[in-house]
Structures are given as C-alpha cells and as structure tokens.
Amino acid sequence: MKTLAEAPVIAILRGVTPETVLPVCEALVAGGIRFIEVTLNSPDPIESIKRAADRFSDGSIYIGAGTVLAPKEVERVASAGGTYIISPNVDPAVIRRTKELGMISIPGFMTPSEAFVAVAAGADLVKCFPVGSLGPGYIKDLKAVLRCPILAVGGVSSDNVHAFLKSGAVGVGVGSSLYQANRSVDEIKRDTVAFMAKAITRQALSL
C-alpha cells in the first residue's frame, strides 16, 4: 500500500509476448511504473510473468497477473513468481487459493454486493470494473460503506485519473493508454512519463 500510494498506477499488459515483455517492462519502469499486470489472455502469459519476475527479483517492481479465473491459474502464476492476482470477477475459490499461496488478492466487482462478498472471502483490495461508465462518484459513494481499498479500472485516462483518485480510489489500472502491441518502447516510455506525472501530481492534490 505504501508503494501504491507513491505510484498509484498498475500497467495492464494485454497481448504482450515473452519476446517483448522485458523491453516493455523496462520502458514502463523508466516512466515511473511500479506495478505491472500481465493478463492471462495474452500469448504464453506465464512465461512472460516468469521473465518479468526474474528481471525484477529485487522486489522494487511488483509483477502480477490479470484475467485470472480459476484456482489452477493462480497456482501457475505463483510458480512463475507473480505476487498478486487480479480478476474481472469475484470467485471465492480464486481468492482463497491466492491467499493460501501468500499472494495479494484483487478481484473485480461492479455492485456493492459483489464487493462485500470479495471482502468476506479475504480480498486485500477490490477492483471496480469497468469503472468508466460508472464514474468517480460511484467510487465515492462506495467508500462510505466499503472499507476495503478500491482500484478503479476500465476507462481510466489522463483526463479522469485525478477525479478517480480524488473520489477515494487508492490506485488505477491502465491498459491501452500506456501499452499497445504496436507501440515502440520509446512511445511507451513517453506516454508513461506523461501519465504518471498527472497521476502522482493529481493524487497529491486529492489527499
């Protein structure tokens, strides 16, 4: 949570490959990212997670997996060195297995009922997804009753990151605004630097 407060952005790598994951991660890290998520619907995602986890084995950068839907997938991520599990849904079996293996659990929810089920199952954080159509006001309303830290994911951009962080989200997940397979590493670094400057500055203003 301390690192998330300092760098409140999780970079979502959907479609990254084992051959490109390290240059992409290097560009993101150079831009200020501390959290990197490789989605399991990417090509050979476990190998990408392993390479990234090995590269940043000093613990300065946190490598995790997204779109995790089953306990067996949790086990594969753990074996590759991932440290957190992100899902688009709430599955208590996935949450339990994540915690059994000593990883951070971040399931996705849309309704308050789903969020409370996730917390009861042991989630460390919860991901409001997709948050773009719901808006920052939805996060603010939830924070009145939900004590668990909330990430805002799905539709977050440089234009609205300030509003989401000000609403009470502890961080945001960002995909195509930072990474797309057809972008060069220089473009990724440039876009990351610009996004992080806004996220960190605007987060500070909201505290």
N, C-alpha and C. Protein backbone atom coordinates (compact mmCIF):
# COMPACT_ATOMS: atom_id res chain seq x y z
N MET A 1 0.83 -1.20 0.00
CA MET A 1 0.00 0.00 0.00
C MET A 1 0.87 1.26 0.00
N LYS A 2 2.02 1.20 0.65
CA LYS A 2 2.92 2.35 0.65
C LYS A 2 3.42 2.63 -0.77
N THR A 3 3.80 1.58 -1.47
CA THR A 3 4.28 1.75 -2.84
C THR A 3 3.16 2.23 -3.75
N LEU A 4 1.96 1.71 -3.53
CA LEU A 4 0.82 2.13 -4.35
C LEU A 4 0.51 3.60 -4.12
N ALA A 5 0.69 4.07 -2.90
CA ALA A 5 0.47 5.48 -2.62
C ALA A 5 1.48 6.35 -3.36
N GLU A 6 2.69 5.84 -3.51
CA GLU A 6 3.74 6.60 -4.21
C GLU A 6 3.59 6.54 -5.73
N ALA A 7 3.10 5.41 -6.22
CA ALA A 7 2.96 5.20 -7.67
C ALA A 7 1.64 4.50 -7.93
N PRO A 8 0.52 5.25 -7.96
CA PRO A 8 -0.82 4.64 -7.93
C PRO A 8 -1.36 4.16 -9.27
N VAL A 9 -0.50 3.57 -10.07
CA VAL A 9 -0.91 3.09 -11.39
C VAL A 9 -0.43 1.67 -11.62
N ILE A 10 -1.34 0.78 -11.99
CA ILE A 10 -0.98 -0.57 -12.43
C ILE A 10 -1.05 -0.60 -13.95
N ALA A 11 0.06 -0.91 -14.59
CA ALA A 11 0.09 -1.00 -16.04
C ALA A 11 -0.40 -2.38 -16.46
N ILE A 12 -1.43 -2.40 -17.30
CA ILE A 12 -2.03 -3.66 -17.74
C ILE A 12 -1.50 -4.03 -19.12
N LEU A 13 -0.80 -5.16 -19.20
CA LEU A 13 -0.22 -5.61 -20.46
C LEU A 13 -1.09 -6.73 -21.03
N ARG A 14 -1.98 -6.37 -21.91
CA ARG A 14 -2.83 -7.34 -22.57
C ARG A 14 -2.32 -7.54 -24.00
N GLY A 15 -1.85 -8.77 -24.28
CA GLY A 15 -1.31 -9.06 -25.60
C GLY A 15 0.20 -9.04 -25.68
N VAL A 16 0.87 -8.76 -24.56
CA VAL A 16 2.33 -8.79 -24.56
C VAL A 16 2.82 -10.23 -24.75
N THR A 17 4.00 -10.40 -25.31
CA THR A 17 4.57 -11.73 -25.54
C THR A 17 5.84 -11.91 -24.73
N PRO A 18 6.29 -13.15 -24.53
CA PRO A 18 7.56 -13.35 -23.82
C PRO A 18 8.74 -12.65 -24.48
N GLU A 19 8.68 -12.51 -25.81
CA GLU A 19 9.78 -11.87 -26.54
C GLU A 19 9.82 -10.36 -26.33
N THR A 20 8.67 -9.77 -26.05
CA THR A 20 8.62 -8.31 -25.91
C THR A 20 8.43 -7.83 -24.48
N VAL A 21 8.15 -8.73 -23.55
CA VAL A 21 7.76 -8.30 -22.22
C VAL A 21 8.86 -7.52 -21.50
N LEU A 22 10.10 -7.92 -21.63
CA LEU A 22 11.15 -7.23 -20.88
C LEU A 22 11.41 -5.81 -21.40
N PRO A 23 11.54 -5.60 -22.72
CA PRO A 23 11.68 -4.21 -23.17
C PRO A 23 10.49 -3.33 -22.79
N VAL A 24 9.28 -3.90 -22.86
CA VAL A 24 8.09 -3.14 -22.47
C VAL A 24 8.14 -2.79 -20.98
N CYS A 25 8.47 -3.76 -20.15
CA CYS A 25 8.56 -3.51 -18.71
C CYS A 25 9.62 -2.47 -18.39
N GLU A 26 10.75 -2.56 -19.06
CA GLU A 26 11.82 -1.58 -18.83
C GLU A 26 11.34 -0.18 -19.16
N ALA A 27 10.59 -0.05 -20.26
CA ALA A 27 10.08 1.27 -20.64
C ALA A 27 9.08 1.79 -19.62
N LEU A 28 8.21 0.92 -19.13
CA LEU A 28 7.23 1.31 -18.12
C LEU A 28 7.91 1.74 -16.82
N VAL A 29 8.88 0.95 -16.40
CA VAL A 29 9.60 1.25 -15.16
C VAL A 29 10.37 2.57 -15.29
N ALA A 30 10.97 2.79 -16.45
CA ALA A 30 11.67 4.05 -16.69
C ALA A 30 10.72 5.23 -16.61
N GLY A 31 9.45 4.99 -16.93
CA GLY A 31 8.44 6.04 -16.85
C GLY A 31 7.83 6.23 -15.48
N GLY A 32 8.18 5.37 -14.52
CA GLY A 32 7.70 5.54 -13.15
C GLY A 32 6.75 4.47 -12.64
N ILE A 33 6.44 3.48 -13.46
CA ILE A 33 5.53 2.41 -13.04
C ILE A 33 6.21 1.47 -12.05
N ARG A 34 5.46 1.05 -11.03
CA ARG A 34 5.98 0.07 -10.05
C ARG A 34 5.16 -1.22 -10.05
N PHE A 35 3.98 -1.20 -10.68
CA PHE A 35 3.11 -2.38 -10.72
C PHE A 35 2.80 -2.74 -12.17
N ILE A 36 3.07 -3.99 -12.53
CA ILE A 36 2.84 -4.46 -13.90
C ILE A 36 2.00 -5.73 -13.86
N GLU A 37 0.93 -5.72 -14.64
CA GLU A 37 -0.01 -6.85 -14.71
C GLU A 37 0.02 -7.45 -16.11
N VAL A 38 0.34 -8.73 -16.19
CA VAL A 38 0.26 -9.46 -17.46
C VAL A 38 -1.05 -10.24 -17.46
N THR A 39 -1.92 -9.97 -18.40
CA THR A 39 -3.20 -10.67 -18.43
C THR A 39 -3.03 -12.08 -18.97
N LEU A 40 -3.81 -13.01 -18.43
CA LEU A 40 -3.67 -14.40 -18.84
C LEU A 40 -4.28 -14.71 -20.19
N ASN A 41 -4.93 -13.74 -20.82
CA ASN A 41 -5.38 -13.95 -22.19
C ASN A 41 -4.39 -13.36 -23.20
N SER A 42 -3.14 -13.21 -22.76
CA SER A 42 -2.03 -12.84 -23.63
C SER A 42 -1.34 -14.12 -24.12
N PRO A 43 -0.52 -14.04 -25.16
CA PRO A 43 0.22 -15.22 -25.64
C PRO A 43 1.26 -15.68 -24.61
N ASP A 44 1.17 -16.95 -24.20
CA ASP A 44 2.13 -17.55 -23.25
C ASP A 44 2.37 -16.64 -22.04
N PRO A 45 1.32 -16.27 -21.32
CA PRO A 45 1.46 -15.28 -20.25
C PRO A 45 2.32 -15.72 -19.08
N ILE A 46 2.30 -17.01 -18.77
CA ILE A 46 3.09 -17.48 -17.62
C ILE A 46 4.58 -17.30 -17.88
N GLU A 47 5.01 -17.53 -19.10
CA GLU A 47 6.42 -17.31 -19.43
C GLU A 47 6.76 -15.82 -19.34
N SER A 48 5.84 -14.97 -19.78
CA SER A 48 6.08 -13.53 -19.67
C SER A 48 6.19 -13.10 -18.21
N ILE A 49 5.30 -13.63 -17.37
CA ILE A 49 5.35 -13.31 -15.94
C ILE A 49 6.66 -13.78 -15.34
N LYS A 50 7.09 -14.98 -15.70
CA LYS A 50 8.34 -15.52 -15.17
C LYS A 50 9.53 -14.65 -15.56
N ARG A 51 9.58 -14.25 -16.81
CA ARG A 51 10.71 -13.42 -17.25
C ARG A 51 10.71 -12.07 -16.55
N ALA A 52 9.54 -11.48 -16.40
CA ALA A 52 9.46 -10.19 -15.73
C ALA A 52 9.80 -10.32 -14.24
N ALA A 53 9.28 -11.36 -13.60
CA ALA A 53 9.55 -11.58 -12.17
C ALA A 53 11.03 -11.83 -11.93
N ASP A 54 11.66 -12.58 -12.82
CA ASP A 54 13.10 -12.84 -12.69
C ASP A 54 13.89 -11.54 -12.87
N ARG A 55 13.47 -10.74 -13.83
CA ARG A 55 14.19 -9.48 -14.10
C ARG A 55 14.11 -8.54 -12.91
N PHE A 56 12.97 -8.49 -12.25
CA PHE A 56 12.79 -7.56 -11.14
C PHE A 56 12.71 -8.31 -9.81
N SER A 57 13.59 -9.26 -9.65
CA SER A 57 13.55 -10.12 -8.46
C SER A 57 13.99 -9.40 -7.19
N ASP A 58 14.50 -8.17 -7.32
CA ASP A 58 14.91 -7.43 -6.12
C ASP A 58 13.72 -6.88 -5.34
N GLY A 59 12.52 -7.01 -5.91
CA GLY A 59 11.31 -6.59 -5.20
C GLY A 59 10.93 -5.14 -5.39
N SER A 60 11.66 -4.41 -6.21
CA SER A 60 11.35 -3.00 -6.42
C SER A 60 10.14 -2.80 -7.33
N ILE A 61 9.88 -3.80 -8.19
CA ILE A 61 8.75 -3.75 -9.11
C ILE A 61 7.88 -4.97 -8.84
N TYR A 62 6.57 -4.76 -8.83
CA TYR A 62 5.63 -5.83 -8.49
C TYR A 62 4.99 -6.38 -9.76
N ILE A 63 5.19 -7.67 -9.99
CA ILE A 63 4.66 -8.33 -11.18
C ILE A 63 3.50 -9.23 -10.78
N GLY A 64 2.37 -9.07 -11.46
CA GLY A 64 1.21 -9.89 -11.16
C GLY A 64 0.50 -10.32 -12.42
N ALA A 65 -0.63 -10.97 -12.24
CA ALA A 65 -1.41 -11.49 -13.37
C ALA A 65 -2.82 -10.94 -13.32
N GLY A 66 -3.39 -10.74 -14.51
CA GLY A 66 -4.76 -10.30 -14.62
C GLY A 66 -5.60 -11.29 -15.39
N THR A 67 -6.91 -11.10 -15.37
CA THR A 67 -7.87 -12.00 -16.02
C THR A 67 -7.68 -13.44 -15.51
N VAL A 68 -7.49 -13.55 -14.20
CA VAL A 68 -7.31 -14.86 -13.56
C VAL A 68 -8.69 -15.37 -13.13
N LEU A 69 -9.07 -16.54 -13.64
CA LEU A 69 -10.44 -17.02 -13.47
C LEU A 69 -10.57 -18.33 -12.70
N ALA A 70 -9.45 -19.00 -12.41
CA ALA A 70 -9.53 -20.31 -11.77
C ALA A 70 -8.38 -20.53 -10.80
N PRO A 71 -8.60 -21.33 -9.75
CA PRO A 71 -7.53 -21.60 -8.79
C PRO A 71 -6.27 -22.18 -9.43
N LYS A 72 -6.43 -23.02 -10.44
CA LYS A 72 -5.26 -23.60 -11.11
C LYS A 72 -4.41 -22.52 -11.77
N GLU A 73 -5.07 -21.49 -12.28
CA GLU A 73 -4.32 -20.38 -12.87
C GLU A 73 -3.55 -19.62 -11.81
N VAL A 74 -4.13 -19.49 -10.64
CA VAL A 74 -3.44 -18.85 -9.51
C VAL A 74 -2.15 -19.61 -9.22
N GLU A 75 -2.22 -20.93 -9.20
CA GLU A 75 -1.05 -21.75 -8.91
C GLU A 75 0.04 -21.56 -9.95
N ARG A 76 -0.35 -21.45 -11.22
CA ARG A 76 0.62 -21.26 -12.29
C ARG A 76 1.31 -19.90 -12.16
N VAL A 77 0.55 -18.89 -11.81
CA VAL A 77 1.13 -17.56 -11.61
C VAL A 77 2.11 -17.58 -10.44
N ALA A 78 1.74 -18.23 -9.36
CA ALA A 78 2.62 -18.33 -8.20
C ALA A 78 3.93 -19.01 -8.56
N SER A 79 3.84 -20.09 -9.33
CA SER A 79 5.04 -20.83 -9.71
C SER A 79 5.97 -20.00 -10.60
N ALA A 80 5.40 -19.01 -11.30
CA ALA A 80 6.19 -18.15 -12.19
C ALA A 80 6.78 -16.95 -11.46
N GLY A 81 6.38 -16.75 -10.20
CA GLY A 81 6.93 -15.65 -9.43
C GLY A 81 6.04 -14.44 -9.31
N GLY A 82 4.79 -14.53 -9.77
CA GLY A 82 3.86 -13.41 -9.62
C GLY A 82 3.50 -13.19 -8.17
N THR A 83 3.21 -11.95 -7.80
CA THR A 83 2.94 -11.64 -6.40
C THR A 83 1.51 -11.19 -6.13
N TYR A 84 0.74 -10.94 -7.18
CA TYR A 84 -0.67 -10.57 -6.96
C TYR A 84 -1.54 -11.10 -8.09
N ILE A 85 -2.80 -11.31 -7.74
CA ILE A 85 -3.78 -11.89 -8.66
C ILE A 85 -4.94 -10.92 -8.83
N ILE A 86 -5.22 -10.56 -10.09
CA ILE A 86 -6.32 -9.67 -10.41
C ILE A 86 -7.32 -10.40 -11.30
N SER A 87 -8.58 -10.28 -10.97
CA SER A 87 -9.63 -10.94 -11.74
C SER A 87 -10.68 -9.91 -12.16
N PRO A 88 -11.44 -10.21 -13.21
CA PRO A 88 -12.53 -9.32 -13.59
C PRO A 88 -13.80 -9.59 -12.80
N ASN A 89 -13.78 -10.63 -11.97
CA ASN A 89 -14.98 -11.07 -11.26
C ASN A 89 -14.64 -11.45 -9.82
N VAL A 90 -15.66 -11.83 -9.08
CA VAL A 90 -15.48 -12.30 -7.71
C VAL A 90 -15.71 -13.80 -7.67
N ASP A 91 -14.66 -14.55 -7.41
CA ASP A 91 -14.74 -16.00 -7.25
C ASP A 91 -14.05 -16.36 -5.94
N PRO A 92 -14.81 -16.71 -4.90
CA PRO A 92 -14.20 -17.00 -3.60
C PRO A 92 -13.12 -18.08 -3.66
N ALA A 93 -13.27 -19.04 -4.57
CA ALA A 93 -12.25 -20.10 -4.68
C ALA A 93 -10.92 -19.52 -5.17
N VAL A 94 -10.98 -18.59 -6.09
CA VAL A 94 -9.77 -17.93 -6.58
C VAL A 94 -9.14 -17.08 -5.47
N ILE A 95 -9.97 -16.37 -4.75
CA ILE A 95 -9.48 -15.54 -3.65
C ILE A 95 -8.80 -16.40 -2.59
N ARG A 96 -9.45 -17.48 -2.21
CA ARG A 96 -8.89 -18.35 -1.17
C ARG A 96 -7.55 -18.93 -1.60
N ARG A 97 -7.48 -19.41 -2.83
CA ARG A 97 -6.22 -20.02 -3.29
C ARG A 97 -5.11 -18.98 -3.37
N THR A 98 -5.46 -17.77 -3.76
CA THR A 98 -4.48 -16.68 -3.80
C THR A 98 -3.88 -16.45 -2.42
N LYS A 99 -4.75 -16.38 -1.42
CA LYS A 99 -4.26 -16.12 -0.06
C LYS A 99 -3.49 -17.31 0.49
N GLU A 100 -3.94 -18.53 0.16
CA GLU A 100 -3.21 -19.73 0.61
C GLU A 100 -1.77 -19.73 0.10
N LEU A 101 -1.56 -19.17 -1.07
CA LEU A 101 -0.23 -19.15 -1.68
C LEU A 101 0.55 -17.89 -1.35
N GLY A 102 0.00 -17.07 -0.46
CA GLY A 102 0.73 -15.91 0.03
C GLY A 102 0.77 -14.73 -0.91
N MET A 103 -0.19 -14.64 -1.82
CA MET A 103 -0.23 -13.54 -2.77
C MET A 103 -1.34 -12.56 -2.43
N ILE A 104 -1.28 -11.39 -3.05
CA ILE A 104 -2.29 -10.36 -2.85
C ILE A 104 -3.47 -10.63 -3.78
N SER A 105 -4.68 -10.56 -3.23
CA SER A 105 -5.89 -10.85 -3.98
C SER A 105 -6.63 -9.57 -4.34
N ILE A 106 -6.90 -9.39 -5.65
CA ILE A 106 -7.60 -8.20 -6.13
C ILE A 106 -8.68 -8.62 -7.11
N PRO A 107 -9.83 -9.07 -6.62
CA PRO A 107 -10.93 -9.45 -7.51
C PRO A 107 -11.69 -8.23 -8.03
N GLY A 108 -12.38 -8.41 -9.15
CA GLY A 108 -13.14 -7.33 -9.74
C GLY A 108 -14.61 -7.39 -9.36
N PHE A 109 -15.21 -6.22 -9.17
CA PHE A 109 -16.62 -6.15 -8.82
C PHE A 109 -17.27 -4.99 -9.55
N MET A 110 -18.59 -5.02 -9.60
CA MET A 110 -19.35 -3.86 -10.09
C MET A 110 -20.37 -3.40 -9.06
N THR A 111 -21.00 -4.34 -8.38
CA THR A 111 -22.05 -3.98 -7.42
C THR A 111 -21.50 -4.02 -5.99
N PRO A 112 -22.14 -3.29 -5.06
CA PRO A 112 -21.73 -3.36 -3.66
C PRO A 112 -21.79 -4.78 -3.11
N SER A 113 -22.79 -5.55 -3.50
CA SER A 113 -22.91 -6.93 -3.01
C SER A 113 -21.69 -7.75 -3.40
N GLU A 114 -21.25 -7.61 -4.65
CA GLU A 114 -20.05 -8.34 -5.09
C GLU A 114 -18.83 -7.90 -4.29
N ALA A 115 -18.72 -6.62 -4.03
CA ALA A 115 -17.57 -6.13 -3.27
C ALA A 115 -17.55 -6.72 -1.86
N PHE A 116 -18.69 -6.79 -1.21
CA PHE A 116 -18.73 -7.34 0.14
C PHE A 116 -18.47 -8.85 0.15
N VAL A 117 -18.90 -9.55 -0.88
CA VAL A 117 -18.58 -10.98 -1.00
C VAL A 117 -17.07 -11.16 -1.13
N ALA A 118 -16.43 -10.31 -1.92
CA ALA A 118 -14.99 -10.40 -2.11
C ALA A 118 -14.25 -10.15 -0.81
N VAL A 119 -14.66 -9.14 -0.07
CA VAL A 119 -14.02 -8.83 1.20
C VAL A 119 -14.20 -9.98 2.19
N ALA A 120 -15.39 -10.55 2.24
CA ALA A 120 -15.65 -11.67 3.15
C ALA A 120 -14.80 -12.88 2.81
N ALA A 121 -14.48 -13.04 1.52
CA ALA A 121 -13.67 -14.18 1.08
C ALA A 121 -12.19 -13.96 1.31
N GLY A 122 -11.79 -12.74 1.67
CA GLY A 122 -10.39 -12.48 2.01
C GLY A 122 -9.63 -11.57 1.06
N ALA A 123 -10.32 -10.87 0.17
CA ALA A 123 -9.64 -9.98 -0.77
C ALA A 123 -8.88 -8.89 -0.02
N ASP A 124 -7.70 -8.54 -0.54
CA ASP A 124 -6.89 -7.47 0.04
C ASP A 124 -7.31 -6.10 -0.49
N LEU A 125 -7.58 -6.05 -1.77
CA LEU A 125 -8.12 -4.88 -2.44
C LEU A 125 -9.24 -5.37 -3.35
N VAL A 126 -10.07 -4.46 -3.82
CA VAL A 126 -11.08 -4.83 -4.81
C VAL A 126 -11.00 -3.88 -5.99
N LYS A 127 -11.31 -4.40 -7.16
CA LYS A 127 -11.19 -3.64 -8.41
C LYS A 127 -12.58 -3.32 -8.95
N CYS A 128 -12.92 -2.04 -8.99
CA CYS A 128 -14.19 -1.66 -9.58
C CYS A 128 -14.01 -1.65 -11.10
N PHE A 129 -14.74 -2.56 -11.76
CA PHE A 129 -14.53 -2.79 -13.19
C PHE A 129 -15.83 -3.21 -13.86
N PRO A 130 -16.12 -2.63 -15.04
CA PRO A 130 -15.44 -1.49 -15.67
C PRO A 130 -15.98 -0.19 -15.10
N VAL A 131 -15.09 0.68 -14.70
CA VAL A 131 -15.49 1.85 -13.93
C VAL A 131 -15.83 3.06 -14.79
N GLY A 132 -15.43 3.04 -16.06
CA GLY A 132 -15.61 4.22 -16.89
C GLY A 132 -17.03 4.71 -16.99
N SER A 133 -17.97 3.80 -17.17
CA SER A 133 -19.37 4.20 -17.32
C SER A 133 -20.02 4.53 -15.98
N LEU A 134 -19.40 4.09 -14.88
CA LEU A 134 -19.96 4.35 -13.55
C LEU A 134 -19.52 5.71 -13.02
N GLY A 135 -18.28 6.07 -13.29
CA GLY A 135 -17.78 7.39 -12.92
C GLY A 135 -17.21 7.47 -11.51
N PRO A 136 -16.43 8.51 -11.25
CA PRO A 136 -15.80 8.69 -9.93
C PRO A 136 -16.80 8.77 -8.78
N GLY A 137 -18.00 9.31 -9.04
CA GLY A 137 -18.99 9.42 -7.98
C GLY A 137 -19.39 8.08 -7.40
N TYR A 138 -19.31 7.04 -8.22
CA TYR A 138 -19.66 5.70 -7.76
C TYR A 138 -18.65 5.22 -6.72
N ILE A 139 -17.36 5.49 -6.98
CA ILE A 139 -16.32 5.13 -6.02
C ILE A 139 -16.54 5.88 -4.71
N LYS A 140 -16.83 7.16 -4.80
CA LYS A 140 -17.05 7.97 -3.59
C LYS A 140 -18.20 7.43 -2.77
N ASP A 141 -19.28 7.05 -3.43
CA ASP A 141 -20.43 6.50 -2.72
C ASP A 141 -20.09 5.19 -2.03
N LEU A 142 -19.34 4.33 -2.73
CA LEU A 142 -18.96 3.04 -2.16
C LEU A 142 -18.07 3.22 -0.93
N LYS A 143 -17.17 4.19 -0.97
CA LYS A 143 -16.25 4.39 0.15
C LYS A 143 -16.97 4.74 1.44
N ALA A 144 -18.20 5.18 1.35
CA ALA A 144 -18.96 5.49 2.57
C ALA A 144 -19.28 4.24 3.37
N VAL A 145 -19.31 3.09 2.69
CA VAL A 145 -19.68 1.84 3.37
C VAL A 145 -18.63 0.74 3.24
N LEU A 146 -17.74 0.85 2.28
CA LEU A 146 -16.76 -0.20 1.99
C LEU A 146 -15.37 0.22 2.45
N ARG A 147 -14.83 -0.48 3.43
CA ARG A 147 -13.54 -0.11 3.99
C ARG A 147 -12.36 -0.65 3.17
N CYS A 148 -12.59 -1.66 2.37
CA CYS A 148 -11.52 -2.27 1.59
C CYS A 148 -11.00 -1.28 0.55
N PRO A 149 -9.68 -1.20 0.33
CA PRO A 149 -9.15 -0.31 -0.70
C PRO A 149 -9.69 -0.67 -2.08
N ILE A 150 -10.00 0.35 -2.88
CA ILE A 150 -10.60 0.16 -4.20
C ILE A 150 -9.66 0.66 -5.28
N LEU A 151 -9.48 -0.17 -6.31
CA LEU A 151 -8.81 0.25 -7.53
C LEU A 151 -9.88 0.57 -8.57
N ALA A 152 -9.63 1.59 -9.38
CA ALA A 152 -10.52 1.94 -10.48
C ALA A 152 -9.89 1.45 -11.78
N VAL A 153 -10.62 0.62 -12.52
CA VAL A 153 -10.06 0.00 -13.72
C VAL A 153 -11.12 -0.04 -14.83
N GLY A 154 -10.67 0.23 -16.05
CA GLY A 154 -11.58 0.15 -17.18
C GLY A 154 -12.15 1.50 -17.55
N GLY A 155 -11.47 2.22 -18.44
CA GLY A 155 -11.94 3.53 -18.82
C GLY A 155 -11.21 4.67 -18.13
N VAL A 156 -10.12 4.37 -17.42
CA VAL A 156 -9.34 5.42 -16.76
C VAL A 156 -8.35 6.00 -17.77
N SER A 157 -8.29 7.32 -17.85
CA SER A 157 -7.39 8.00 -18.77
C SER A 157 -6.72 9.16 -18.05
N SER A 158 -5.81 9.84 -18.76
CA SER A 158 -5.15 11.00 -18.17
C SER A 158 -6.15 12.12 -17.88
N ASP A 159 -7.27 12.10 -18.57
CA ASP A 159 -8.28 13.14 -18.37
C ASP A 159 -9.10 12.96 -17.09
N ASN A 160 -9.25 11.70 -16.64
CA ASN A 160 -10.11 11.48 -15.48
C ASN A 160 -9.38 10.85 -14.28
N VAL A 161 -8.07 10.61 -14.40
CA VAL A 161 -7.36 9.95 -13.30
C VAL A 161 -7.45 10.78 -12.02
N HIS A 162 -7.38 12.10 -12.14
CA HIS A 162 -7.50 12.95 -10.96
C HIS A 162 -8.83 12.73 -10.25
N ALA A 163 -9.90 12.67 -11.02
CA ALA A 163 -11.23 12.50 -10.42
C ALA A 163 -11.37 11.17 -9.71
N PHE A 164 -10.82 10.11 -10.30
CA PHE A 164 -10.93 8.79 -9.67
C PHE A 164 -10.10 8.72 -8.38
N LEU A 165 -8.90 9.28 -8.39
CA LEU A 165 -8.08 9.25 -7.18
C LEU A 165 -8.70 10.15 -6.10
N LYS A 166 -9.25 11.27 -6.51
CA LYS A 166 -9.89 12.17 -5.55
C LYS A 166 -11.15 11.54 -4.95
N SER A 167 -11.79 10.65 -5.71
CA SER A 167 -13.03 10.02 -5.24
C SER A 167 -12.79 9.00 -4.14
N GLY A 168 -11.52 8.58 -3.97
CA GLY A 168 -11.21 7.61 -2.93
C GLY A 168 -10.54 6.35 -3.41
N ALA A 169 -10.35 6.20 -4.72
CA ALA A 169 -9.61 5.05 -5.23
C ALA A 169 -8.15 5.16 -4.81
N VAL A 170 -7.56 4.04 -4.37
CA VAL A 170 -6.16 4.07 -3.94
C VAL A 170 -5.22 3.96 -5.13
N GLY A 171 -5.77 3.59 -6.28
CA GLY A 171 -4.97 3.47 -7.48
C GLY A 171 -5.85 3.17 -8.66
N VAL A 172 -5.23 3.15 -9.84
CA VAL A 172 -5.96 2.88 -11.07
C VAL A 172 -5.21 1.83 -11.88
N GLY A 173 -5.96 1.08 -12.67
CA GLY A 173 -5.37 0.16 -13.63
C GLY A 173 -5.54 0.76 -15.02
N VAL A 174 -4.45 0.77 -15.79
CA VAL A 174 -4.45 1.43 -17.09
C VAL A 174 -3.86 0.51 -18.14
N GLY A 175 -4.62 0.30 -19.23
CA GLY A 175 -4.17 -0.59 -20.30
C GLY A 175 -3.70 0.15 -21.52
N SER A 176 -4.59 0.37 -22.47
CA SER A 176 -4.21 0.88 -23.79
C SER A 176 -3.65 2.29 -23.75
N SER A 177 -3.90 3.05 -22.71
CA SER A 177 -3.31 4.39 -22.62
C SER A 177 -1.80 4.32 -22.44
N LEU A 178 -1.31 3.18 -21.93
CA LEU A 178 0.13 3.01 -21.72
C LEU A 178 0.74 1.97 -22.66
N TYR A 179 0.03 0.87 -22.88
CA TYR A 179 0.62 -0.20 -23.69
C TYR A 179 -0.32 -0.68 -24.78
N GLN A 180 0.22 -0.72 -25.98
CA GLN A 180 -0.40 -1.40 -27.10
C GLN A 180 0.72 -2.07 -27.87
N ALA A 181 0.43 -3.24 -28.42
CA ALA A 181 1.48 -4.05 -29.04
C ALA A 181 2.20 -3.35 -30.18
N ASN A 182 1.52 -2.42 -30.83
CA ASN A 182 2.14 -1.75 -31.99
C ASN A 182 2.94 -0.51 -31.61
N ARG A 183 3.05 -0.20 -30.32
CA ARG A 183 3.81 0.97 -29.89
C ARG A 183 5.26 0.61 -29.65
N SER A 184 6.15 1.53 -29.97
CA SER A 184 7.58 1.33 -29.71
C SER A 184 7.84 1.54 -28.22
N VAL A 185 8.98 1.07 -27.75
CA VAL A 185 9.32 1.25 -26.34
C VAL A 185 9.50 2.73 -26.02
N ASP A 186 9.98 3.52 -26.97
CA ASP A 186 10.12 4.95 -26.74
C ASP A 186 8.76 5.61 -26.55
N GLU A 187 7.77 5.20 -27.34
CA GLU A 187 6.43 5.74 -27.20
C GLU A 187 5.82 5.33 -25.87
N ILE A 188 6.04 4.07 -25.47
CA ILE A 188 5.53 3.59 -24.19
C ILE A 188 6.12 4.39 -23.03
N LYS A 189 7.43 4.61 -23.07
CA LYS A 189 8.07 5.38 -22.01
C LYS A 189 7.54 6.81 -21.99
N ARG A 190 7.42 7.43 -23.15
CA ARG A 190 6.93 8.81 -23.23
C ARG A 190 5.53 8.93 -22.65
N ASP A 191 4.64 8.01 -23.05
CA ASP A 191 3.26 8.07 -22.57
C ASP A 191 3.17 7.78 -21.08
N THR A 192 4.04 6.89 -20.60
CA THR A 192 4.05 6.54 -19.18
C THR A 192 4.51 7.72 -18.33
N VAL A 193 5.57 8.37 -18.77
CA VAL A 193 6.07 9.55 -18.04
C VAL A 193 4.96 10.59 -17.92
N ALA A 194 4.27 10.85 -19.02
CA ALA A 194 3.20 11.86 -19.02
C ALA A 194 2.05 11.45 -18.11
N PHE A 195 1.65 10.18 -18.18
CA PHE A 195 0.53 9.72 -17.36
C PHE A 195 0.89 9.75 -15.88
N MET A 196 2.08 9.26 -15.55
CA MET A 196 2.48 9.21 -14.14
C MET A 196 2.61 10.61 -13.56
N ALA A 197 3.07 11.56 -14.35
CA ALA A 197 3.17 12.93 -13.86
C ALA A 197 1.80 13.45 -13.44
N LYS A 198 0.78 13.14 -14.23
CA LYS A 198 -0.57 13.57 -13.89
C LYS A 198 -1.12 12.80 -12.70
N ALA A 199 -0.89 11.49 -12.69
CA ALA A 199 -1.43 10.65 -11.60
C ALA A 199 -0.82 11.03 -10.26
N ILE A 200 0.49 11.20 -10.22
CA ILE A 200 1.16 11.49 -8.94
C ILE A 200 0.82 12.89 -8.47
N THR A 201 0.85 13.86 -9.38
CA THR A 201 0.53 15.23 -9.01
C THR A 201 -0.91 15.35 -8.56
N ARG A 202 -1.81 14.74 -9.31
CA ARG A 202 -3.24 14.87 -9.00
C ARG A 202 -3.60 14.08 -7.77
N GLN A 203 -2.90 12.96 -7.54
CA GLN A 203 -3.16 12.22 -6.32
C GLN A 203 -2.77 13.05 -5.11
N ALA A 204 -1.61 13.73 -5.20
CA ALA A 204 -1.16 14.55 -4.09
C ALA A 204 -2.16 15.67 -3.80
N LEU A 205 -2.71 16.23 -4.85
CA LEU A 205 -3.69 17.30 -4.68
C LEU A 205 -4.96 16.82 -4.01
N SER A 206 -5.27 15.50 -4.18
CA SER A 206 -6.52 14.97 -3.65
C SER A 206 -6.41 14.54 -2.20
N LEU A 207 -5.20 14.45 -1.68
CA LEU A 207 -5.02 13.96 -0.32
C LEU A 207 -5.27 15.07 0.70
